[in-house]
PDB file of N, CA and C in Angstrom:
ATOM      1  N   MET A   1     -12.828 -19.965 -32.557  1.00  0.00           N
ATOM      2  CA  MET A   1     -13.004 -20.127 -34.045  1.00  0.00           C
ATOM      3  C   MET A   1     -13.942 -20.847 -34.753  1.00  0.00           C
ATOM      4  N   VAL A   2     -14.511 -20.510 -35.816  1.00  0.00           N
ATOM      5  CA  VAL A   2     -15.596 -20.981 -36.485  1.00  0.00           C
ATOM      6  C   VAL A   2     -14.934 -21.985 -37.644  1.00  0.00           C
ATOM      7  N   ALA A   3     -15.189 -23.236 -37.556  1.00  0.00           N
ATOM      8  CA  ALA A   3     -14.797 -24.249 -38.524  1.00  0.00           C
ATOM      9  C   ALA A   3     -15.496 -23.907 -39.915  1.00  0.00           C
ATOM     10  N   ASN A   4     -16.815 -24.110 -39.888  1.00  0.00           N
ATOM     11  CA  ASN A   4     -17.426 -24.053 -41.169  1.00  0.00           C
ATOM     12  C   ASN A   4     -18.620 -22.712 -40.953  1.00  0.00           C
ATOM     13  N   LEU A   5     -18.849 -22.207 -42.067  1.00  0.00           N
ATOM     14  CA  LEU A   5     -19.919 -21.174 -42.329  1.00  0.00           C
ATOM     15  C   LEU A   5     -20.785 -21.892 -43.152  1.00  0.00           C
ATOM     16  N   ARG A   6     -22.012 -21.704 -43.406  1.00  0.00           N
ATOM     17  CA  ARG A   6     -23.071 -22.231 -44.186  1.00  0.00           C
ATOM     18  C   ARG A   6     -23.626 -20.836 -44.820  1.00  0.00           C
ATOM     19  N   LEU A   7     -23.612 -20.522 -46.152  1.00  0.00           N
ATOM     20  CA  LEU A   7     -23.795 -19.456 -46.917  1.00  0.00           C
ATOM     21  C   LEU A   7     -25.475 -19.501 -46.676  1.00  0.00           C
ATOM     22  N   MET A   8     -26.204 -18.318 -46.915  1.00  0.00           N
ATOM     23  CA  MET A   8     -27.455 -18.434 -46.617  1.00  0.00           C
ATOM     24  C   MET A   8     -28.203 -18.501 -48.237  1.00  0.00           C
ATOM     25  N   PRO A   9     -29.190 -19.122 -48.437  1.00  0.00           N
ATOM     26  CA  PRO A   9     -29.471 -19.159 -49.668  1.00  0.00           C
ATOM     27  C   PRO A   9     -30.143 -17.865 -50.098  1.00  0.00           C
ATOM     28  N   GLY A  10     -29.950 -17.371 -51.308  1.00  0.00           N
ATOM     29  CA  GLY A  10     -30.715 -16.210 -51.595  1.00  0.00           C
ATOM     30  C   GLY A  10     -30.080 -15.068 -51.039  1.00  0.00           C
ATOM     31  N   TYR A  11     -28.801 -15.087 -50.610  1.00  0.00           N
ATOM     32  CA  TYR A  11     -28.430 -13.744 -50.318  1.00  0.00           C
ATOM     33  C   TYR A  11     -28.169 -12.753 -51.469  1.00  0.00           C
ATOM     34  N   ASP A  12     -28.334 -11.413 -51.116  1.00  0.00           N
ATOM     35  CA  ASP A  12     -28.533 -10.542 -52.087  1.00  0.00           C
ATOM     36  C   ASP A  12     -27.725  -9.312 -51.907  1.00  0.00           C
ATOM     37  N   PRO A  13     -26.621  -8.771 -52.207  1.00  0.00           N
ATOM     38  CA  PRO A  13     -26.006  -7.615 -51.790  1.00  0.00           C
ATOM     39  C   PRO A  13     -26.924  -6.477 -52.093  1.00  0.00           C
ATOM     40  N   ASP A  14     -27.846  -6.330 -52.913  1.00  0.00           N
ATOM     41  CA  ASP A  14     -28.907  -5.459 -53.373  1.00  0.00           C
ATOM     42  C   ASP A  14     -29.930  -5.610 -52.644  1.00  0.00           C
ATOM     43  N   TRP A  15     -30.102  -5.943 -51.520  1.00  0.00           N
ATOM     44  CA  TRP A  15     -31.405  -6.335 -50.850  1.00  0.00           C
ATOM     45  C   TRP A  15     -32.116  -5.070 -50.268  1.00  0.00           C
ATOM     46  N   ARG A  16     -31.213  -3.637 -49.977  1.00  0.00           N
ATOM     47  CA  ARG A  16     -31.804  -2.639 -49.722  1.00  0.00           C
ATOM     48  C   ARG A  16     -32.503  -2.000 -50.906  1.00  0.00           C
ATOM     49  N   ASP A  17     -32.076  -2.061 -51.986  1.00  0.00           N
ATOM     50  CA  ASP A  17     -33.027  -1.483 -53.281  1.00  0.00           C
ATOM     51  C   ASP A  17     -34.438  -2.356 -53.298  1.00  0.00           C
ATOM     52  N   LYS A  18     -34.429  -3.599 -53.230  1.00  0.00           N
ATOM     53  CA  LYS A  18     -35.634  -4.527 -53.386  1.00  0.00           C
ATOM     54  C   LYS A  18     -36.372  -4.042 -52.136  1.00  0.00           C
ATOM     55  N   VAL A  19     -35.981  -4.229 -50.717  1.00  0.00           N
ATOM     56  CA  VAL A  19     -36.754  -3.624 -49.588  1.00  0.00           C
ATOM     57  C   VAL A  19     -37.434  -2.161 -49.883  1.00  0.00           C
ATOM     58  N   ASN A  20     -36.804  -1.301 -50.399  1.00  0.00           N
ATOM     59  CA  ASN A  20     -37.093   0.093 -50.676  1.00  0.00           C
ATOM     60  C   ASN A  20     -38.180  -0.041 -51.713  1.00  0.00           C
ATOM     61  N   ASP A  21     -38.143  -0.719 -52.657  1.00  0.00           N
ATOM     62  CA  ASP A  21     -39.249  -0.784 -53.778  1.00  0.00           C
ATOM     63  C   ASP A  21     -40.550  -1.504 -53.439  1.00  0.00           C
ATOM     64  N   LEU A  22     -40.130  -2.651 -52.448  1.00  0.00           N
ATOM     65  CA  LEU A  22     -41.493  -3.385 -51.986  1.00  0.00           C
ATOM     66  C   LEU A  22     -42.237  -2.208 -51.008  1.00  0.00           C
ATOM     67  N   ALA A  23     -41.451  -1.536 -50.078  1.00  0.00           N
ATOM     68  CA  ALA A  23     -41.839  -0.970 -49.093  1.00  0.00           C
ATOM     69  C   ALA A  23     -42.672   0.329 -49.789  1.00  0.00           C
ATOM     70  N   MET A  24     -41.901   0.875 -50.598  1.00  0.00           N
ATOM     71  CA  MET A  24     -42.768   1.957 -51.496  1.00  0.00           C
ATOM     72  C   MET A  24     -44.121   1.706 -51.994  1.00  0.00           C
ATOM     73  N   ARG A  25     -43.991   0.412 -52.754  1.00  0.00           N
ATOM     74  CA  ARG A  25     -45.440  -0.089 -53.472  1.00  0.00           C
ATOM     75  C   ARG A  25     -46.275  -0.176 -52.107  1.00  0.00           C
ATOM     76  N   TYR A  26     -45.928  -0.911 -51.048  1.00  0.00           N
ATOM     77  CA  TYR A  26     -46.717  -1.063 -49.858  1.00  0.00           C
ATOM     78  C   TYR A  26     -47.444   0.154 -49.418  1.00  0.00           C
ATOM     79  N   ARG A  27     -46.566   1.299 -49.413  1.00  0.00           N
ATOM     80  CA  ARG A  27     -47.272   2.735 -48.835  1.00  0.00           C
ATOM     81  C   ARG A  27     -48.242   3.098 -50.036  1.00  0.00           C
ATOM     82  N   VAL A  28     -48.088   2.790 -51.094  1.00  0.00           N
ATOM     83  CA  VAL A  28     -48.725   3.426 -52.169  1.00  0.00           C
ATOM     84  C   VAL A  28     -50.145   2.636 -52.156  1.00  0.00           C
ATOM     85  N   LEU A  29     -50.002   1.342 -52.154  1.00  0.00           N
ATOM     86  CA  LEU A  29     -51.499   0.436 -52.033  1.00  0.00           C
ATOM     87  C   LEU A  29     -52.127   0.762 -50.707  1.00  0.00           C
ATOM     88  N   GLY A  30     -51.207   1.021 -49.433  1.00  0.00           N
ATOM     89  CA  GLY A  30     -51.813   1.100 -48.281  1.00  0.00           C
ATOM     90  C   GLY A  30     -52.584   2.508 -47.907  1.00  0.00           C
ATOM     91  N   GLY A  31     -52.115   3.533 -48.918  1.00  0.00           N
ATOM     92  CA  GLY A  31     -52.883   4.699 -48.788  1.00  0.00           C
ATOM     93  C   GLY A  31     -54.013   4.825 -49.661  1.00  0.00           C
ATOM     94  N   ARG A  32     -54.182   4.238 -50.334  1.00  0.00           N
ATOM     95  CA  ARG A  32     -55.545   3.841 -51.229  1.00  0.00           C
ATOM     96  C   ARG A  32     -56.633   3.543 -50.314  1.00  0.00           C
ATOM     97  N   LYS A  33     -57.826   4.002 -50.710  1.00  0.00           N
ATOM     98  CA  LYS A  33     -59.292   3.674 -49.974  1.00  0.00           C
ATOM     99  C   LYS A  33     -59.850   2.484 -50.683  1.00  0.00           C
ATOM    100  N   ASP A  34     -59.776   2.588 -52.140  1.00  0.00           N
ATOM    101  CA  ASP A  34     -60.591   1.601 -52.691  1.00  0.00           C
ATOM    102  C   ASP A  34     -59.732   0.676 -53.552  1.00  0.00           C
ATOM    103  N   LEU A  35     -59.318  -0.342 -53.041  1.00  0.00           N
ATOM    104  CA  LEU A  35     -58.313  -1.213 -53.925  1.00  0.00           C
ATOM    105  C   LEU A  35     -59.359  -2.379 -54.657  1.00  0.00           C
ATOM    106  N   THR A  36     -58.776  -2.630 -55.871  1.00  0.00           N
ATOM    107  CA  THR A  36     -59.170  -3.785 -56.554  1.00  0.00           C
ATOM    108  C   THR A  36     -58.749  -4.955 -55.708  1.00  0.00           C
ATOM    109  N   ALA A  37     -59.612  -5.989 -56.242  1.00  0.00           N
ATOM    110  CA  ALA A  37     -59.118  -7.343 -55.661  1.00  0.00           C
ATOM    111  C   ALA A  37     -58.054  -7.715 -55.723  1.00  0.00           C
ATOM    112  N   ASP A  38     -57.365  -7.769 -56.922  1.00  0.00           N
ATOM    113  CA  ASP A  38     -55.888  -7.847 -57.350  1.00  0.00           C
ATOM    114  C   ASP A  38     -55.080  -6.844 -56.342  1.00  0.00           C
ATOM    115  N   GLU A  39     -55.205  -5.705 -56.355  1.00  0.00           N
ATOM    116  CA  GLU A  39     -54.434  -4.659 -55.563  1.00  0.00           C
ATOM    117  C   GLU A  39     -54.650  -5.282 -53.802  1.00  0.00           C
ATOM    118  N   ALA A  40     -55.722  -5.428 -53.419  1.00  0.00           N
ATOM    119  CA  ALA A  40     -56.005  -5.964 -52.183  1.00  0.00           C
ATOM    120  C   ALA A  40     -55.010  -7.290 -51.912  1.00  0.00           C
ATOM    121  N   GLU A  41     -55.202  -8.207 -52.671  1.00  0.00           N
ATOM    122  CA  GLU A  41     -54.481  -9.413 -52.682  1.00  0.00           C
ATOM    123  C   GLU A  41     -52.739  -9.115 -52.607  1.00  0.00           C
ATOM    124  N   GLU A  42     -52.265  -8.134 -53.568  1.00  0.00           N
ATOM    125  CA  GLU A  42     -50.959  -7.602 -53.574  1.00  0.00           C
ATOM    126  C   GLU A  42     -50.695  -7.132 -52.394  1.00  0.00           C
ATOM    127  N   LEU A  43     -51.325  -6.112 -51.744  1.00  0.00           N
ATOM    128  CA  LEU A  43     -51.193  -5.363 -50.542  1.00  0.00           C
ATOM    129  C   LEU A  43     -50.864  -6.538 -49.343  1.00  0.00           C
ATOM    130  N   SER A  44     -51.761  -7.442 -49.200  1.00  0.00           N
ATOM    131  CA  SER A  44     -51.702  -8.714 -48.261  1.00  0.00           C
ATOM    132  C   SER A  44     -50.442  -9.439 -48.478  1.00  0.00           C
ATOM    133  N   ALA A  45     -49.864  -9.584 -49.556  1.00  0.00           N
ATOM    134  CA  ALA A  45     -48.862 -10.298 -49.958  1.00  0.00           C
ATOM    135  C   ALA A  45     -47.543  -9.641 -49.620  1.00  0.00           C
ATOM    136  N   LEU A  46     -47.578  -8.299 -49.771  1.00  0.00           N
ATOM    137  CA  LEU A  46     -46.258  -7.566 -49.664  1.00  0.00           C
ATOM    138  C   LEU A  46     -45.541  -7.538 -48.361  1.00  0.00           C
ATOM    139  N   ARG A  47     -46.107  -7.593 -47.332  1.00  0.00           N
ATOM    140  CA  ARG A  47     -45.713  -7.699 -46.094  1.00  0.00           C
ATOM    141  C   ARG A  47     -44.743  -8.928 -45.892  1.00  0.00           C
ATOM    142  N   GLY A  48     -44.984 -10.062 -46.371  1.00  0.00           N
ATOM    143  CA  GLY A  48     -44.428 -11.219 -46.397  1.00  0.00           C
ATOM    144  C   GLY A  48     -43.203 -11.071 -47.399  1.00  0.00           C
ATOM    145  N   ARG A  49     -43.338 -10.586 -48.524  1.00  0.00           N
ATOM    146  CA  ARG A  49     -42.151 -10.290 -49.603  1.00  0.00           C
ATOM    147  C   ARG A  49     -41.119  -9.399 -48.964  1.00  0.00           C
ATOM    148  N   ILE A  50     -41.738  -8.471 -48.308  1.00  0.00           N
ATOM    149  CA  ILE A  50     -40.748  -7.365 -47.640  1.00  0.00           C
ATOM    150  C   ILE A  50     -39.959  -8.177 -46.672  1.00  0.00           C
ATOM    151  N   ASP A  51     -40.520  -9.232 -45.832  1.00  0.00           N
ATOM    152  CA  ASP A  51     -39.816  -9.877 -44.816  1.00  0.00           C
ATOM    153  C   ASP A  51     -38.698 -10.881 -45.406  1.00  0.00           C
ATOM    154  N   ASP A  52     -39.039 -11.397 -46.635  1.00  0.00           N
ATOM    155  CA  ASP A  52     -38.339 -12.280 -47.417  1.00  0.00           C
ATOM    156  C   ASP A  52     -37.007 -11.682 -47.766  1.00  0.00           C
ATOM    157  N   ALA A  53     -37.514 -10.253 -48.332  1.00  0.00           N
ATOM    158  CA  ALA A  53     -36.370  -9.467 -48.968  1.00  0.00           C
ATOM    159  C   ALA A  53     -35.369  -9.043 -48.022  1.00  0.00           C
ATOM    160  N   LEU A  54     -35.783  -8.789 -46.549  1.00  0.00           N
ATOM    161  CA  LEU A  54     -34.913  -8.264 -45.645  1.00  0.00           C
ATOM    162  C   LEU A  54     -33.996  -9.527 -45.088  1.00  0.00           C
ATOM    163  N   ASN A  55     -34.614 -10.725 -45.377  1.00  0.00           N
ATOM    164  CA  ASN A  55     -33.731 -11.930 -45.053  1.00  0.00           C
ATOM    165  C   ASN A  55     -32.511 -12.266 -46.009  1.00  0.00           C
ATOM    166  N   THR A  56     -32.499 -11.401 -47.151  1.00  0.00           N
ATOM    167  CA  THR A  56     -31.589 -11.660 -48.265  1.00  0.00           C
ATOM    168  C   THR A  56     -30.327 -10.983 -47.465  1.00  0.00           C
ATOM    169  N   ARG A  57     -30.434 -10.186 -46.699  1.00  0.00           N
ATOM    170  CA  ARG A  57     -29.305  -9.411 -46.338  1.00  0.00           C
ATOM    171  C   ARG A  57     -28.176 -10.263 -45.865  1.00  0.00           C
ATOM    172  N   PHE A  58     -28.650 -11.495 -45.144  1.00  0.00           N
ATOM    173  CA  PHE A  58     -27.789 -12.169 -44.480  1.00  0.00           C
ATOM    174  C   PHE A  58     -26.938 -13.143 -45.116  1.00  0.00           C
ATOM    175  N   ARG A  59     -25.634 -12.996 -45.245  1.00  0.00           N
ATOM    176  CA  ARG A  59     -24.720 -13.754 -46.015  1.00  0.00           C
ATOM    177  C   ARG A  59     -24.601 -15.092 -45.415  1.00  0.00           C
ATOM    178  N   THR A  60     -24.461 -15.401 -44.253  1.00  0.00           N
ATOM    179  CA  THR A  60     -24.475 -16.739 -43.898  1.00  0.00           C
ATOM    180  C   THR A  60     -25.712 -16.996 -42.529  1.00  0.00           C
ATOM    181  N   THR A  61     -25.670 -18.214 -42.282  1.00  0.00           N
ATOM    182  CA  THR A  61     -26.636 -18.576 -41.430  1.00  0.00           C
ATOM    183  C   THR A  61     -26.199 -18.185 -40.151  1.00  0.00           C
ATOM    184  N   LEU A  62     -25.142 -18.130 -39.807  1.00  0.00           N
ATOM    185  CA  LEU A  62     -24.432 -17.539 -38.477  1.00  0.00           C
ATOM    186  C   LEU A  62     -24.951 -16.185 -38.381  1.00  0.00           C
ATOM    187  N   GLU A  63     -25.019 -15.121 -39.193  1.00  0.00           N
ATOM    188  CA  GLU A  63     -25.428 -13.797 -39.137  1.00  0.00           C
ATOM    189  C   GLU A  63     -27.193 -14.024 -39.057  1.00  0.00           C
ATOM    190  N   TYR A  64     -27.743 -14.722 -39.660  1.00  0.00           N
ATOM    191  CA  TYR A  64     -29.172 -15.041 -39.639  1.00  0.00           C
ATOM    192  C   TYR A  64     -29.454 -15.355 -38.146  1.00  0.00           C
ATOM    193  N   ARG A  65     -28.730 -16.470 -37.632  1.00  0.00           N
ATOM    194  CA  ARG A  65     -28.944 -17.030 -36.387  1.00  0.00           C
ATOM    195  C   ARG A  65     -28.781 -16.048 -35.104  1.00  0.00           C
ATOM    196  N   ASP A  66     -27.412 -15.269 -35.149  1.00  0.00           N
ATOM    197  CA  ASP A  66     -27.290 -14.388 -34.185  1.00  0.00           C
ATOM    198  C   ASP A  66     -28.340 -13.160 -34.127  1.00  0.00           C
ATOM    199  N   PHE A  67     -28.646 -12.541 -35.330  1.00  0.00           N
ATOM    200  CA  PHE A  67     -29.678 -11.503 -35.289  1.00  0.00           C
ATOM    201  C   PHE A  67     -31.090 -11.994 -34.978  1.00  0.00           C
ATOM    202  N   TYR A  68     -31.540 -13.001 -35.237  1.00  0.00           N
ATOM    203  CA  TYR A  68     -32.913 -13.586 -35.101  1.00  0.00           C
ATOM    204  C   TYR A  68     -32.790 -14.185 -33.435  1.00  0.00           C
ATOM    205  N   PHE A  69     -31.966 -14.914 -32.989  1.00  0.00           N
ATOM    206  CA  PHE A  69     -31.793 -15.354 -31.693  1.00  0.00           C
ATOM    207  C   PHE A  69     -31.839 -14.004 -30.808  1.00  0.00           C
ATOM    208  N   ALA A  70     -30.853 -12.797 -31.005  1.00  0.00           N
ATOM    209  CA  ALA A  70     -31.108 -11.846 -30.200  1.00  0.00           C
ATOM    210  C   ALA A  70     -32.487 -11.145 -29.982  1.00  0.00           C
ATOM    211  N   ARG A  71     -33.210 -11.095 -31.090  1.00  0.00           N
ATOM    212  CA  ARG A  71     -34.603 -10.805 -31.217  1.00  0.00           C
ATOM    213  C   ARG A  71     -35.352 -11.483 -30.334  1.00  0.00           C
ATOM    214  N   ALA A  72     -35.293 -12.808 -30.405  1.00  0.00           N
ATOM    215  CA  ALA A  72     -36.167 -13.777 -29.725  1.00  0.00           C
ATOM    216  C   ALA A  72     -35.574 -13.808 -28.130  1.00  0.00           C
ATOM    217  N   ARG A  73     -34.382 -13.565 -27.797  1.00  0.00           N
ATOM    218  CA  ARG A  73     -34.116 -13.387 -26.288  1.00  0.00           C
ATOM    219  C   ARG A  73     -34.922 -12.127 -25.850  1.00  0.00           C
ATOM    220  N   ALA A  74     -34.771 -11.000 -26.722  1.00  0.00           N
ATOM    221  CA  ALA A  74     -35.405  -9.693 -25.888  1.00  0.00           C
ATOM    222  C   ALA A  74     -36.718  -9.882 -25.993  1.00  0.00           C
ATOM    223  N   LEU A  75     -37.577 -10.808 -27.016  1.00  0.00           N
ATOM    224  CA  LEU A  75     -38.944 -10.817 -26.901  1.00  0.00           C
ATOM    225  C   LEU A  75     -39.172 -11.587 -25.579  1.00  0.00           C
ATOM    226  N   LEU A  76     -38.619 -12.871 -25.472  1.00  0.00           N
ATOM    227  CA  LEU A  76     -38.737 -13.798 -24.417  1.00  0.00           C
ATOM    228  C   LEU A  76     -38.464 -13.051 -22.974  1.00  0.00           C
ATOM    229  N   GLU A  77     -37.477 -12.265 -22.838  1.00  0.00           N
ATOM    230  CA  GLU A  77     -37.230 -11.416 -21.691  1.00  0.00           C
ATOM    231  C   GLU A  77     -38.248 -10.244 -21.684  1.00  0.00           C
ATOM    232  N   ALA A  78     -38.724  -9.769 -22.468  1.00  0.00           N
ATOM    233  CA  ALA A  78     -39.977  -8.611 -22.495  1.00  0.00           C
ATOM    234  C   ALA A  78     -41.383  -9.264 -21.861  1.00  0.00           C
ATOM    235  N   GLU A  79     -41.389 -10.781 -22.508  1.00  0.00           N
ATOM    236  CA  GLU A  79     -42.585 -11.393 -21.880  1.00  0.00           C
ATOM    237  C   GLU A  79     -42.624 -12.191 -20.826  1.00  0.00           C
ATOM    238  N   GLY A  80     -41.334 -12.055 -20.006  1.00  0.00           N
ATOM    239  CA  GLY A  80     -41.104 -12.713 -18.903  1.00  0.00           C
ATOM    240  C   GLY A  80     -41.232 -14.331 -18.923  1.00  0.00           C
ATOM    241  N   ILE A  81     -40.761 -14.820 -19.790  1.00  0.00           N
ATOM    242  CA  ILE A  81     -40.910 -16.321 -20.382  1.00  0.00           C
ATOM    243  C   ILE A  81     -39.308 -16.594 -20.403  1.00  0.00           C
ATOM    244  N   GLU A  82     -39.205 -17.774 -19.356  1.00  0.00           N
ATOM    245  CA  GLU A  82     -37.927 -18.072 -19.080  1.00  0.00           C
ATOM    246  C   GLU A  82     -37.662 -19.529 -20.340  1.00  0.00           C
ATOM    247  N   MET A  83     -37.105 -19.327 -21.319  1.00  0.00           N
ATOM    248  CA  MET A  83     -36.887 -20.326 -22.179  1.00  0.00           C
ATOM    249  C   MET A  83     -35.376 -20.271 -22.817  1.00  0.00           C
ATOM    250  N   PRO A  84     -34.575 -21.119 -22.278  1.00  0.00           N
ATOM    251  CA  PRO A  84     -33.391 -21.134 -22.994  1.00  0.00           C
ATOM    252  C   PRO A  84     -33.023 -21.382 -24.458  1.00  0.00           C
ATOM    253  N   LEU A  85     -32.265 -20.780 -25.165  1.00  0.00           N
ATOM    254  CA  LEU A  85     -32.413 -21.058 -26.533  1.00  0.00           C
ATOM    255  C   LEU A  85     -31.291 -21.972 -26.665  1.00  0.00           C
ATOM    256  N   PRO A  86     -31.394 -23.222 -27.630  1.00  0.00           N
ATOM    257  CA  PRO A  86     -30.349 -24.202 -27.687  1.00  0.00           C
ATOM    258  C   PRO A  86     -28.994 -23.373 -28.314  1.00  0.00           C
ATOM    259  N   ASN A  87     -27.869 -24.207 -28.125  1.00  0.00           N
ATOM    260  CA  ASN A  87     -26.650 -23.696 -28.682  1.00  0.00           C
ATOM    261  C   ASN A  87     -26.274 -24.373 -30.010  1.00  0.00           C
ATOM    262  N   LEU A  88     -27.095 -23.814 -30.985  1.00  0.00           N
ATOM    263  CA  LEU A  88     -27.008 -24.194 -32.451  1.00  0.00           C
ATOM    264  C   LEU A  88     -25.612 -23.876 -33.103  1.00  0.00           C
ATOM    265  N   PRO A  89     -24.990 -24.693 -33.771  1.00  0.00           N
ATOM    266  CA  PRO A  89     -23.686 -24.333 -34.478  1.00  0.00           C
ATOM    267  C   PRO A  89     -23.608 -23.354 -35.325  1.00  0.00           C
ATOM    268  N   ALA A  90     -22.576 -22.886 -35.542  1.00  0.00           N
ATOM    269  CA  ALA A  90     -22.356 -21.759 -36.609  1.00  0.00           C
ATOM    270  C   ALA A  90     -22.829 -22.163 -38.019  1.00  0.00           C
ATOM    271  N   ASP A  91     -22.550 -23.517 -38.184  1.00  0.00           N
ATOM    272  CA  ASP A  91     -23.201 -23.857 -39.733  1.00  0.00           C
ATOM    273  C   ASP A  91     -24.527 -24.547 -39.711  1.00  0.00           C
ATOM    274  N   ALA A  92     -25.285 -24.208 -38.669  1.00  0.00           N
ATOM    275  CA  ALA A  92     -26.707 -24.611 -38.666  1.00  0.00           C
ATOM    276  C   ALA A  92     -27.453 -24.293 -39.841  1.00  0.00           C
ATOM    277  N   THR A  93     -28.374 -25.167 -40.347  1.00  0.00           N
ATOM    278  CA  THR A  93     -28.987 -24.865 -41.601  1.00  0.00           C
ATOM    279  C   THR A  93     -30.094 -23.502 -41.094  1.00  0.00           C
ATOM    280  N   GLN A  94     -30.723 -23.001 -41.962  1.00  0.00           N
ATOM    281  CA  GLN A  94     -31.815 -21.856 -41.876  1.00  0.00           C
ATOM    282  C   GLN A  94     -32.794 -22.726 -41.424  1.00  0.00           C
ATOM    283  N   GLU A  95     -33.340 -23.889 -41.568  1.00  0.00           N
ATOM    284  CA  GLU A  95     -34.399 -24.784 -41.146  1.00  0.00           C
ATOM    285  C   GLU A  95     -34.188 -24.758 -39.432  1.00  0.00           C
ATOM    286  N   GLN A  96     -33.197 -25.459 -39.396  1.00  0.00           N
ATOM    287  CA  GLN A  96     -32.787 -25.638 -37.827  1.00  0.00           C
ATOM    288  C   GLN A  96     -33.009 -24.292 -36.961  1.00  0.00           C
ATOM    289  N   ILE A  97     -32.591 -23.301 -37.639  1.00  0.00           N
ATOM    290  CA  ILE A  97     -32.766 -21.900 -37.005  1.00  0.00           C
ATOM    291  C   ILE A  97     -34.350 -21.568 -36.966  1.00  0.00           C
ATOM    292  N   ASP A  98     -35.001 -21.842 -37.789  1.00  0.00           N
ATOM    293  CA  ASP A  98     -36.403 -21.154 -37.965  1.00  0.00           C
ATOM    294  C   ASP A  98     -37.192 -22.370 -37.054  1.00  0.00           C
ATOM    295  N   ASP A  99     -36.834 -23.460 -36.747  1.00  0.00           N
ATOM    296  CA  ASP A  99     -37.680 -24.307 -35.892  1.00  0.00           C
ATOM    297  C   ASP A  99     -37.475 -24.042 -34.587  1.00  0.00           C
ATOM    298  N   VAL A 100     -36.159 -23.686 -34.069  1.00  0.00           N
ATOM    299  CA  VAL A 100     -35.990 -22.724 -32.861  1.00  0.00           C
ATOM    300  C   VAL A 100     -36.905 -21.753 -32.670  1.00  0.00           C
ATOM    301  N   LEU A 101     -36.874 -20.732 -33.744  1.00  0.00           N
ATOM    302  CA  LEU A 101     -37.757 -19.552 -33.713  1.00  0.00           C
ATOM    303  C   LEU A 101     -39.194 -19.869 -33.539  1.00  0.00           C
ATOM    304  N   SER A 102     -39.452 -20.791 -34.211  1.00  0.00           N
ATOM    305  CA  SER A 102     -41.082 -21.163 -34.187  1.00  0.00           C
ATOM    306  C   SER A 102     -41.510 -21.439 -32.838  1.00  0.00           C
ATOM    307  N   GLY A 103     -40.417 -22.196 -32.473  1.00  0.00           N
ATOM    308  CA  GLY A 103     -40.817 -22.628 -30.723  1.00  0.00           C
ATOM    309  C   GLY A 103     -40.901 -21.376 -30.082  1.00  0.00           C
ATOM    310  N   VAL A 104     -40.311 -20.498 -30.154  1.00  0.00           N
ATOM    311  CA  VAL A 104     -40.283 -19.118 -29.415  1.00  0.00           C
ATOM    312  C   VAL A 104     -41.365 -18.357 -29.730  1.00  0.00           C
ATOM    313  N   TRP A 105     -41.711 -18.241 -30.836  1.00  0.00           N
ATOM    314  CA  TRP A 105     -42.888 -17.536 -31.081  1.00  0.00           C
ATOM    315  C   TRP A 105     -44.205 -18.327 -30.679  1.00  0.00           C
ATOM    316  N   ALA A 106     -44.114 -19.457 -30.620  1.00  0.00           N
ATOM    317  CA  ALA A 106     -45.428 -20.635 -30.135  1.00  0.00           C
ATOM    318  C   ALA A 106     -45.473 -20.224 -28.539  1.00  0.00           C
ATOM    319  N   ALA A 107     -44.106 -20.201 -28.005  1.00  0.00           N
ATOM    320  CA  ALA A 107     -44.135 -19.918 -26.524  1.00  0.00           C
ATOM    321  C   ALA A 107     -44.739 -18.502 -25.997  1.00  0.00           C
ATOM    322  N   VAL A 108     -44.487 -17.508 -26.827  1.00  0.00           N
ATOM    323  CA  VAL A 108     -45.159 -16.335 -26.640  1.00  0.00           C
ATOM    324  C   VAL A 108     -46.668 -16.274 -26.839  1.00  0.00           C
ATOM    325  N   GLU A 109     -47.143 -16.876 -27.759  1.00  0.00           N
ATOM    326  CA  GLU A 109     -48.359 -16.907 -28.287  1.00  0.00           C
ATOM    327  C   GLU A 109     -49.120 -17.492 -27.190  1.00  0.00           C
ATOM    328  N   VAL A 110     -48.822 -18.829 -26.759  1.00  0.00           N
ATOM    329  CA  VAL A 110     -49.575 -19.411 -25.710  1.00  0.00           C
ATOM    330  C   VAL A 110     -49.508 -18.569 -24.568  1.00  0.00           C
ATOM    331  N   THR A 111     -48.443 -18.047 -24.096  1.00  0.00           N
ATOM    332  CA  THR A 111     -48.369 -17.145 -23.064  1.00  0.00           C
ATOM    333  C   THR A 111     -49.359 -15.743 -23.155  1.00  0.00           C
ATOM    334  N   ASN A 112     -49.605 -15.304 -24.370  1.00  0.00           N
ATOM    335  CA  ASN A 112     -50.319 -14.099 -24.551  1.00  0.00           C
ATOM    336  C   ASN A 112     -51.763 -14.473 -24.558  1.00  0.00           C
ATOM    337  N   SER A 113     -52.045 -15.734 -24.845  1.00  0.00           N
ATOM    338  CA  SER A 113     -53.368 -16.044 -24.919  1.00  0.00           C
ATOM    339  C   SER A 113     -54.071 -16.811 -23.554  1.00  0.00           C
ATOM    340  N   GLU A 114     -53.122 -16.880 -22.844  1.00  0.00           N
ATOM    341  CA  GLU A 114     -53.698 -17.639 -21.479  1.00  0.00           C
ATOM    342  C   GLU A 114     -54.117 -16.341 -20.485  1.00  0.00           C
ATOM    343  N   THR A 115     -55.447 -16.881 -19.885  1.00  0.00           N
ATOM    344  CA  THR A 115     -56.174 -15.962 -19.189  1.00  0.00           C
ATOM    345  C   THR A 115     -56.129 -16.419 -17.704  1.00  0.00           C
ATOM    346  N   PHE A 116     -55.652 -15.418 -16.727  1.00  0.00           N
ATOM    347  CA  PHE A 116     -55.749 -15.759 -15.305  1.00  0.00           C
ATOM    348  C   PHE A 116     -57.057 -15.251 -14.648  1.00  0.00           C
TER     349      PHE A 116
END
C-alpha cells in the first residue's frame, strides 16, 4: 500500500503533442546545412527541451522513479557495474530521485573513462 504520492511538478496530459512539435523542429533544423547562429543555438537547446517535455508525462514521482530506476538498473547491468539503488519511498521528491540517478550516471562515466 502506498501511503502518499507526490505529484510531479509540470505534469502535462498533452505532453505527446509538445514532444512531437519539438521533435519536428529538431528534425527540420538538424536537416539543414547552413544554420544561422540563432538556429544553431536553438538546435543545441532542443534536445534538452525534448527531454524536459518527455518528463512531463509522469503524473507522480513514483512513476518517474520507477521509470528511471529501471533504466538505471539496465544500464548498470549492461556496463557490469555492481551498484545497488537505494529504496526511495513512493513520495520521494524529484530532487532525491535525480540525486540517485546522478550517482548512477557518474559511476558509468567513471567506469567508461578508466583505462586498463
